[in-house]
Every structure is written in structure tokens, then in C-alpha cells.
Amino acid sequence: MEFTEKADREGGKPIEIFVKDLDAYGFISNQELGNSQFFAPCVFYTSFSLRSKKRTPKHQDNGALLSAENNAEAPNTSQRKAMLVFMCIPVSPGRSRLIFVSLRNFAIGIDRIIPRWVFHVGQNLILDSDLYLLHVEERKILDVGPSNWQKACFVPTKSDAKVVAFRRWLNKYSDGHVDWRGKFSGILPPSPPKEQLMDRYWSHVVNCSSCNGAYKGLNALEVVLQVISIALLGVFAATNQSLVSRTARIVMVAMAVLCFAASRWLSHFIYKNFHFHDYNHALR
């Protein structure tokens, strides 16, 4: 069967990825904007360069272009580079610890303005997009056997080259599974409820100072909004209606309703971003 690669609905296009030098120490892969390397058994990094922004040449007051000696930056471009480093360590059958760091030499100022937990919320969405899929896939591969993993996975495109390369490495140099050295039998535990599997609080928030601080602060704000709402309603009920204008009463009730609605929205935001956010591939 011939498989034709097409652009997706967001305008994406096939990615050409080529793997080379696969051995016991890992493998190297190249693609259009950069390269990646897998350092066996747990470290993977990818680096890429973005199109450079051309600098505007500087001119003298009379409009003449400054010489290269006086303006060395004029003919050059600033190369924007980024790198992602992943360390995925198996800790028990069906469980791994993921540690990653993102590096770049551009748009650094935004990190000083936007709190770190805001970036983590977006990164967790990316992780959630694959977490449940990988959880199910792991069990399907176990059913057919590691050497027959292709029967459980459909990886027909060149962008799947690194997945195929890792499976080749795992089968060739690790017999298709993690060597637990007798500590575990290798049998996967029962599949937990989705809320437990994709729980963010115990897997990330309690261990992240930025997310933990935001979690406590937002919970405190939720309580404050509820207290303000109740207090405003209490003042409204206790105040002599003849002593307060109709406009003031309307404003007081409106503020109470808004504070209560804001606290409910905030409660949903906290749960969705710091506890559990369901992800359905069929709807994405």
C-alpha cells in the first residue's frame, strides 16, 4: 500500500528526518533546521536554527553607508538558535520521570516578564497530548511483543524516523525492554483512571516552586473573592435601604455576583491547569 504525505489542516507539511550512526551509544538524526542526538539510554537533545533577522545597515548623517570597520555588524545577521534537552528515566514498569530544559539565544526578555508557571501550563498541554496515547500504546506493544512493535504502531512517514530508530536501538541493544535488574518483574500495573494517570498536581506542581507558588496564590485569591462576595451581600442585607441609593445597591449586588462568578471561574482554571486536564486526540 502506498502512503502519500499531505499537508494537514493547519498547513503543516511533511518533515524530512534522516537517521545515521545508530549504535550501542545511541543515534544521530538530521532534519531541515537542525539535528538531534539520542545518548543511550535516557538522554535526547535536539537543536535547531531559525531564520536570521537581518540587521538594518547604519548610515552616516549624509546618507553614506558606514564602512565595515566602523560598523562590523552591518553586513552580518544574528543567528537564532534553540535547544531542547530531554532526560526520560524509567523508574518502574509503566512509570518514568521526565526532566527537560529549553534553551535559546533570542526572546530572552519575555522570561523576565511572564512567570515561569505560565510556560509550564502550555508545556503540560503538549505532554498531555501524548501521555495517554503512550500509556495505551505501551500495553498494545506488550501484547504483540517488543519485536513485533510495528503491528501495534503505524509509523509510515519520514517524520517517524526517530521513533523507528529508537525501537531498533531498544530491540538490538536492550532486548526490547528495560532491564530492571531483578527489582521489578516487568509486568505493567493495572491501568489507573484517567484522572489519576494524567494528574498534574502530584506529578509536577508539588515539585515545581513556580507552579506551587502560583497554585497557592490562586487558591488564596479564590477564597478572597468568595469572602468579598459574601461580605457585599451581608452589607447589602444589613444596610437600611432608605439610607443607600438605588444605584449603590445595584452596584453592590453586581460586584457580589461578579466576585462569585470570578471565584467559580478561577476554581475551574486551577483544577484544569494544576490538577487534571483531559485530552481527546479525536477532537484535536
Protein backbone atom coordinates (compact mmCIF):
# COMPACT_ATOMS: atom_id res chain seq x y z
CA MET A 1 0.00 0.00 0.00
CA GLU A 2 1.38 3.38 -0.96
CA PHE A 3 1.11 6.14 1.62
CA THR A 4 1.02 9.74 0.41
CA GLU A 5 2.10 12.51 2.75
CA LYS A 6 -0.15 15.56 2.66
CA ALA A 7 -0.29 18.88 4.44
CA ASP A 8 -2.58 18.85 7.47
CA ARG A 9 -5.47 21.21 8.08
CA GLU A 10 -3.24 23.70 9.92
CA GLY A 11 -0.99 24.00 6.89
CA GLY A 12 1.77 21.68 8.10
CA LYS A 13 3.96 19.73 5.73
CA PRO A 14 6.00 16.51 5.87
CA ILE A 15 9.28 16.71 7.78
CA GLU A 16 12.33 15.09 6.24
CA ILE A 17 14.27 13.34 9.02
CA PHE A 18 17.27 11.11 8.35
CA VAL A 19 18.89 8.86 10.97
CA LYS A 20 22.52 7.83 10.87
CA ASP A 21 25.20 6.28 13.07
CA LEU A 22 22.90 4.03 15.10
CA ASP A 23 24.98 2.00 17.56
CA ALA A 24 25.03 0.95 21.21
CA TYR A 25 25.61 4.56 22.28
CA GLY A 26 22.53 5.94 20.51
CA PHE A 27 22.00 7.61 17.15
CA ILE A 28 22.13 10.94 15.32
CA SER A 29 19.38 12.39 13.15
CA ASN A 30 19.32 15.35 10.79
CA GLN A 31 16.47 17.47 9.50
CA GLU A 32 15.99 20.74 7.67
CA LEU A 33 16.52 23.20 10.53
CA GLY A 34 18.83 21.27 12.81
CA ASN A 35 19.87 17.94 14.24
CA SER A 36 19.14 15.63 17.15
CA GLN A 37 21.05 13.02 19.08
CA PHE A 38 19.98 10.21 21.36
CA PHE A 39 22.50 9.37 24.08
CA ALA A 40 21.62 5.90 25.28
CA PRO A 41 19.82 5.07 27.36
CA CYS A 42 17.89 8.11 28.64
CA VAL A 43 19.06 11.42 27.15
CA PHE A 44 17.84 13.06 23.94
CA TYR A 45 18.56 16.53 22.66
CA THR A 46 17.54 18.46 19.59
CA SER A 47 18.94 21.76 18.37
CA PHE A 48 17.75 23.93 15.54
CA SER A 49 18.37 27.32 13.98
CA LEU A 50 15.71 29.77 12.90
CA ARG A 51 15.95 32.18 10.03
CA SER A 52 18.13 35.10 10.98
CA LYS A 53 16.87 38.62 11.23
CA LYS A 54 18.85 40.96 9.02
CA ARG A 55 20.21 44.00 10.77
CA THR A 56 19.44 47.39 9.28
CA PRO A 57 22.68 48.94 7.94
CA LYS A 58 23.72 52.10 9.73
CA HIS A 59 24.27 55.29 7.74
CA GLN A 60 26.21 58.45 8.31
CA ASP A 61 24.40 61.77 8.54
CA ASN A 62 24.99 62.33 4.82
CA GLY A 63 23.31 59.02 3.98
CA ALA A 64 26.52 57.13 3.13
CA LEU A 65 26.78 53.58 4.43
CA LEU A 66 29.32 53.22 7.23
CA SER A 67 32.36 51.13 6.40
CA ALA A 68 32.71 47.58 7.68
CA GLU A 69 35.47 48.74 10.00
CA ASN A 70 33.20 51.24 11.74
CA ASN A 71 30.07 49.11 11.56
CA ALA A 72 31.08 45.46 11.76
CA GLU A 73 27.52 44.34 12.45
CA ALA A 74 26.03 45.89 9.33
CA PRO A 75 26.61 43.04 6.84
CA ASN A 76 26.06 40.27 9.40
CA THR A 77 22.96 38.58 10.69
CA SER A 78 22.12 37.37 14.15
CA GLN A 79 21.59 33.62 14.14
CA ARG A 80 18.76 32.48 16.37
CA LYS A 81 19.31 29.08 17.93
CA ALA A 82 17.32 26.91 20.30
CA MET A 83 17.89 23.59 22.01
CA LEU A 84 15.71 21.10 23.87
CA VAL A 85 17.25 18.52 26.19
CA PHE A 86 15.13 15.62 27.47
CA MET A 87 16.04 13.12 30.16
CA CYS A 88 13.45 10.36 30.47
CA ILE A 89 14.32 7.91 33.24
CA PRO A 90 12.25 4.73 33.76
CA VAL A 91 11.53 4.37 37.48
CA SER A 92 9.22 1.33 37.43
CA PRO A 93 7.13 -0.57 34.86
CA GLY A 94 4.71 1.91 33.32
CA ARG A 95 6.28 4.93 35.04
CA SER A 96 9.05 7.33 34.01
CA ARG A 97 10.46 10.60 35.28
CA LEU A 98 10.76 13.29 32.59
CA ILE A 99 13.20 16.17 33.06
CA PHE A 100 13.72 18.64 30.26
CA VAL A 101 15.22 22.05 29.67
CA SER A 102 14.68 24.54 26.86
CA LEU A 103 17.48 26.90 25.81
CA ARG A 104 17.53 29.73 23.29
CA ASN A 105 19.53 32.85 22.47
CA PHE A 106 16.58 35.04 21.44
CA ALA A 107 13.38 36.43 23.04
CA ILE A 108 15.05 36.11 26.43
CA GLY A 109 13.39 39.22 27.86
CA ILE A 110 9.98 37.57 27.89
CA ASP A 111 11.19 35.17 30.59
CA ARG A 112 11.67 38.13 32.93
CA ILE A 113 8.11 39.36 32.37
CA ILE A 114 5.95 36.24 32.21
CA PRO A 115 6.04 33.93 35.26
CA ARG A 116 7.57 30.52 34.70
CA TRP A 117 4.38 28.68 35.64
CA VAL A 118 2.58 30.21 32.65
CA PHE A 119 5.04 28.47 30.32
CA HIS A 120 4.62 25.25 32.29
CA VAL A 121 0.86 25.32 31.70
CA GLY A 122 1.47 25.35 27.95
CA GLN A 123 4.16 22.69 28.17
CA ASN A 124 1.87 20.43 30.18
CA LEU A 125 -0.67 20.62 27.36
CA ILE A 126 1.96 19.26 24.98
CA LEU A 127 2.86 16.45 27.37
CA ASP A 128 -0.81 15.61 27.94
CA SER A 129 -1.33 15.35 24.19
CA ASP A 130 0.90 12.26 24.16
CA LEU A 131 0.68 10.87 27.69
CA TYR A 132 -2.49 8.83 27.40
CA LEU A 133 -1.65 7.75 23.85
CA LEU A 134 1.73 6.40 25.00
CA HIS A 135 0.13 4.72 28.00
CA VAL A 136 -2.26 2.77 25.76
CA GLU A 137 0.41 2.11 23.13
CA GLU A 138 2.76 0.63 25.74
CA ARG A 139 0.19 -2.03 26.55
CA LYS A 140 -0.54 -2.79 22.91
CA ILE A 141 3.17 -3.29 22.22
CA LEU A 142 3.41 -5.63 25.19
CA ASP A 143 0.51 -7.67 23.79
CA VAL A 144 2.17 -8.23 20.40
CA GLY A 145 5.72 -8.43 21.77
CA PRO A 146 8.54 -5.86 21.52
CA SER A 147 9.98 -7.45 18.38
CA ASN A 148 6.63 -7.02 16.61
CA TRP A 149 6.00 -3.45 17.73
CA GLN A 150 5.22 -2.37 14.13
CA LYS A 151 1.97 -4.33 14.39
CA ALA A 152 0.81 -2.01 17.19
CA CYS A 153 2.07 1.27 15.70
CA PHE A 154 1.57 2.94 12.33
CA VAL A 155 4.69 4.96 11.51
CA PRO A 156 4.78 5.41 7.71
CA THR A 157 6.29 8.88 7.29
CA LYS A 158 9.85 10.18 7.34
CA SER A 159 8.98 12.28 10.38
CA ASP A 160 8.63 8.98 12.29
CA ALA A 161 12.29 8.12 11.64
CA LYS A 162 13.41 8.82 15.21
CA VAL A 163 10.65 6.65 16.67
CA VAL A 164 11.68 3.79 14.40
CA ALA A 165 15.36 4.34 15.22
CA PHE A 166 14.72 4.22 18.96
CA ARG A 167 12.74 0.99 18.61
CA ARG A 168 15.56 -0.50 16.56
CA TRP A 169 18.06 0.52 19.23
CA LEU A 170 15.88 -0.84 22.05
CA ASN A 171 15.39 -4.20 20.33
CA LYS A 172 19.02 -4.58 19.29
CA TYR A 173 20.83 -3.42 22.41
CA SER A 174 18.27 -3.87 25.21
CA ASP A 175 16.28 -6.89 24.05
CA GLY A 176 13.21 -4.70 23.57
CA HIS A 177 12.67 -3.80 27.23
CA VAL A 178 14.16 -2.11 30.29
CA ASP A 179 16.49 -4.27 32.34
CA TRP A 180 15.19 -3.83 35.89
CA ARG A 181 17.99 -6.00 37.32
CA GLY A 182 15.50 -8.14 39.23
CA LYS A 183 13.88 -5.22 41.06
CA PHE A 184 10.67 -5.49 39.03
CA SER A 185 9.14 -8.31 37.04
CA GLY A 186 8.43 -6.06 34.07
CA ILE A 187 4.68 -6.65 34.24
CA LEU A 188 2.75 -3.43 33.75
CA PRO A 189 0.47 -2.37 36.62
CA PRO A 190 -3.30 -2.09 36.06
CA SER A 191 -4.28 0.95 34.05
CA PRO A 192 -5.42 3.64 36.53
CA PRO A 193 -8.35 6.03 35.97
CA LYS A 194 -7.54 8.79 33.52
CA GLU A 195 -7.77 11.44 36.25
CA GLN A 196 -5.05 9.64 38.19
CA LEU A 197 -2.88 8.87 35.18
CA MET A 198 -2.87 12.48 33.97
CA ASP A 199 -2.84 14.12 37.38
CA ARG A 200 -0.64 17.21 37.30
CA TYR A 201 -0.56 18.12 40.97
CA TRP A 202 1.43 15.19 42.36
CA SER A 203 3.48 14.64 39.21
CA HIS A 204 4.58 18.26 38.76
CA VAL A 205 3.02 21.05 40.81
CA VAL A 206 4.24 19.92 44.25
CA ASN A 207 7.78 19.61 42.88
CA CYS A 208 7.86 22.93 40.99
CA SER A 209 8.41 26.07 43.06
CA SER A 210 6.86 28.34 40.43
CA CYS A 211 3.72 26.25 39.84
CA ASN A 212 3.35 25.51 43.55
CA GLY A 213 3.56 29.20 44.39
CA ALA A 214 1.01 30.06 41.70
CA TYR A 215 -1.27 27.27 42.91
CA LYS A 216 -1.26 28.58 46.48
CA GLY A 217 -1.67 32.19 45.37
CA LEU A 218 -4.59 31.45 43.05
CA ASN A 219 -6.32 29.36 45.71
CA ALA A 220 -5.94 32.24 48.16
CA LEU A 221 -7.37 34.63 45.57
CA GLU A 222 -10.34 32.31 45.07
CA VAL A 223 -11.08 32.42 48.80
CA VAL A 224 -10.71 36.22 48.88
CA LEU A 225 -13.20 36.60 46.02
CA GLN A 226 -15.71 34.38 47.81
CA VAL A 227 -15.29 36.33 51.06
CA ILE A 228 -15.78 39.64 49.25
CA SER A 229 -18.91 38.29 47.55
CA ILE A 230 -20.42 37.12 50.84
CA ALA A 231 -19.39 40.33 52.62
CA LEU A 232 -21.04 42.51 49.97
CA LEU A 233 -24.26 40.53 50.20
CA GLY A 234 -24.12 40.78 54.01
CA VAL A 235 -23.65 44.54 53.87
CA PHE A 236 -26.49 44.81 51.36
CA ALA A 237 -28.83 42.82 53.61
CA ALA A 238 -27.86 44.68 56.80
CA THR A 239 -27.96 48.20 55.36
CA ASN A 240 -31.07 50.27 55.75
CA GLN A 241 -32.41 50.50 52.22
CA SER A 242 -33.61 54.06 52.74
CA LEU A 243 -30.07 55.21 53.54
CA VAL A 244 -28.50 53.80 50.37
CA SER A 245 -29.29 54.93 46.86
CA ARG A 246 -30.74 52.50 44.35
CA THR A 247 -27.63 52.83 42.18
CA ALA A 248 -25.35 51.93 45.11
CA ARG A 249 -27.46 48.85 45.88
CA ILE A 250 -27.30 47.70 42.26
CA VAL A 251 -23.53 48.20 42.17
CA MET A 252 -23.12 46.29 45.43
CA VAL A 253 -25.14 43.31 44.20
CA ALA A 254 -23.40 43.36 40.81
CA MET A 255 -19.98 43.35 42.49
CA ALA A 256 -21.02 40.42 44.69
CA VAL A 257 -22.20 38.46 41.66
CA LEU A 258 -19.05 39.28 39.69
CA CYS A 259 -16.78 38.25 42.56
CA PHE A 260 -18.64 34.97 42.97
CA ALA A 261 -18.53 34.28 39.22
CA ALA A 262 -14.82 35.10 39.15
CA SER A 263 -14.17 32.71 42.04
CA ARG A 264 -16.03 29.91 40.20
CA TRP A 265 -14.06 30.58 37.00
CA LEU A 266 -10.82 30.64 38.98
CA SER A 267 -11.70 27.34 40.64
CA HIS A 268 -12.19 25.76 37.21
CA PHE A 269 -8.92 27.30 35.96
CA ILE A 270 -6.99 25.92 38.94
CA TYR A 271 -8.40 22.42 38.56
CA LYS A 272 -7.87 22.36 34.79
CA ASN A 273 -4.28 23.63 34.88
CA PHE A 274 -2.94 22.28 38.17
CA HIS A 275 -4.87 19.04 38.70
CA PHE A 276 -6.37 17.40 35.64
CA HIS A 277 -6.92 18.47 32.06
CA ASP A 278 -8.46 15.80 29.85
CA TYR A 279 -7.12 15.49 26.32
CA ASN A 280 -9.01 13.86 23.48
CA HIS A 281 -6.99 13.28 20.31
CA ALA A 282 -10.15 12.83 18.27
CA LEU A 283 -11.17 16.42 18.98
CA ARG A 284 -7.79 17.99 18.18
